[in-house]
Protein backbone atom coordinates (compact mmCIF):
# COMPACT_ATOMS: atom_id res chain seq x y z
CA MET A 1 16.85 95.67 36.97
CA ASN A 2 19.00 94.45 33.66
CA ILE A 3 17.30 93.64 30.89
CA ILE A 4 17.53 89.75 31.40
CA GLU A 5 15.94 90.12 34.89
CA VAL A 6 13.04 92.30 32.94
CA ILE A 7 12.16 90.11 30.57
CA ILE A 8 12.39 86.92 33.16
CA SER A 9 9.47 88.77 34.83
CA PHE A 10 7.00 88.17 31.86
CA GLN A 11 8.25 84.59 31.70
CA SER A 12 5.16 83.75 33.99
CA ASP A 13 3.01 85.44 31.08
CA ASN A 14 1.53 82.42 29.65
CA ARG A 15 -0.37 84.08 26.87
CA LEU A 16 2.42 85.34 25.38
CA PHE A 17 5.17 83.56 23.20
CA LYS A 18 8.63 83.66 24.55
CA TYR A 19 9.97 85.50 21.81
CA GLU A 20 6.90 88.23 22.85
CA HIS A 21 8.77 88.38 26.02
CA ILE A 22 11.73 89.89 24.91
CA ILE A 23 9.77 92.41 23.00
CA LYS A 24 7.95 93.29 26.05
CA GLY A 25 11.43 93.36 28.01
CA ILE A 26 13.16 95.38 25.85
CA ASN A 27 10.05 97.74 25.17
CA GLU A 28 9.72 98.36 28.94
CA SER A 29 13.32 99.02 29.50
CA ILE A 30 12.85 101.22 26.41
CA ALA A 31 10.10 103.33 27.95
CA LYS A 32 11.89 103.32 31.80
CA ASP A 33 15.03 104.54 30.28
CA GLU A 34 16.89 102.02 31.08
CA LEU A 35 18.21 101.16 27.60
CA LYS A 36 19.13 104.19 25.53
CA VAL A 37 20.20 104.75 22.47
CA GLY A 38 23.48 103.55 21.45
CA ASN A 39 22.91 100.64 24.06
CA GLN A 40 24.13 97.01 22.72
CA LEU A 41 21.17 94.38 23.51
CA PRO A 42 22.72 91.16 25.35
CA SER A 43 24.42 88.81 22.73
CA LEU A 44 22.31 85.99 21.50
CA ASN A 45 24.76 83.43 23.26
CA ILE A 46 24.25 85.47 26.23
CA MET A 47 20.62 85.65 25.94
CA VAL A 48 20.30 81.88 25.22
CA LYS A 49 22.39 81.01 28.31
CA LYS A 50 20.39 83.10 30.74
CA LEU A 51 16.79 82.92 29.72
CA GLY A 52 16.87 79.32 28.40
CA TYR A 53 15.80 80.04 25.34
CA SER A 54 16.91 78.90 22.07
CA SER A 55 18.58 81.08 19.61
CA ASP A 56 15.91 81.05 17.18
CA THR A 57 13.58 82.33 19.84
CA ILE A 58 16.07 85.17 20.55
CA LEU A 59 16.98 86.04 17.22
CA LYS A 60 12.99 86.22 16.17
CA GLY A 61 12.36 89.06 19.14
CA TYR A 62 15.54 90.81 17.97
CA ARG A 63 14.38 90.85 14.27
CA LYS A 64 10.80 92.23 15.21
CA LEU A 65 12.21 94.42 17.36
CA GLU A 66 13.98 95.50 14.06
CA ASP A 67 11.00 95.35 12.57
CA MET A 68 9.03 97.95 15.00
CA GLY A 69 12.46 100.13 14.32
CA LEU A 70 13.84 100.39 17.58
CA VAL A 71 17.14 98.56 17.44
CA GLU A 72 19.33 97.68 14.30
CA SER A 73 21.72 94.98 13.75
CA VAL A 74 25.33 95.74 13.10
CA LYS A 75 27.22 93.07 11.22
CA ASN A 76 29.80 91.41 13.39
CA LYS A 77 28.75 93.70 16.49
CA GLY A 78 25.16 93.16 17.36
CA TYR A 79 22.09 94.44 18.12
CA PHE A 80 22.05 97.97 19.18
CA ILE A 81 19.04 100.47 20.43
CA ILE A 82 18.39 102.99 17.50
CA ASN A 83 15.08 104.66 18.51
CA ASN A 84 13.91 106.20 22.14
CA LYS A 85 10.81 105.77 24.31
CA ASP A 86 8.55 108.01 21.81
CA LYS A 87 8.40 105.36 19.72
CA VAL A 88 7.77 102.27 22.33
CA LEU A 89 5.08 104.59 23.87
CA SER A 90 3.44 105.28 20.40
CA GLU A 91 3.25 101.87 18.93
């Protein structure tokens, strides 16, 4: 299952904000070793097209993941996984 499919699987959970779907989906993908250190997350434009969320929502999710120490933004490149599932499981 790719990251977008994982996030889509959480869309039916109305208790979560949309940006939380993104966080939960990426966390789950890291925990299951589907996303590994160094993997690039889908671009904001791809996420907007595939999920139908605003770019602000996608960016909020990515920035929260950055605050959690799971991803980092590389200027003009995108967002990359920088921490492994041990960090996810301890949160």
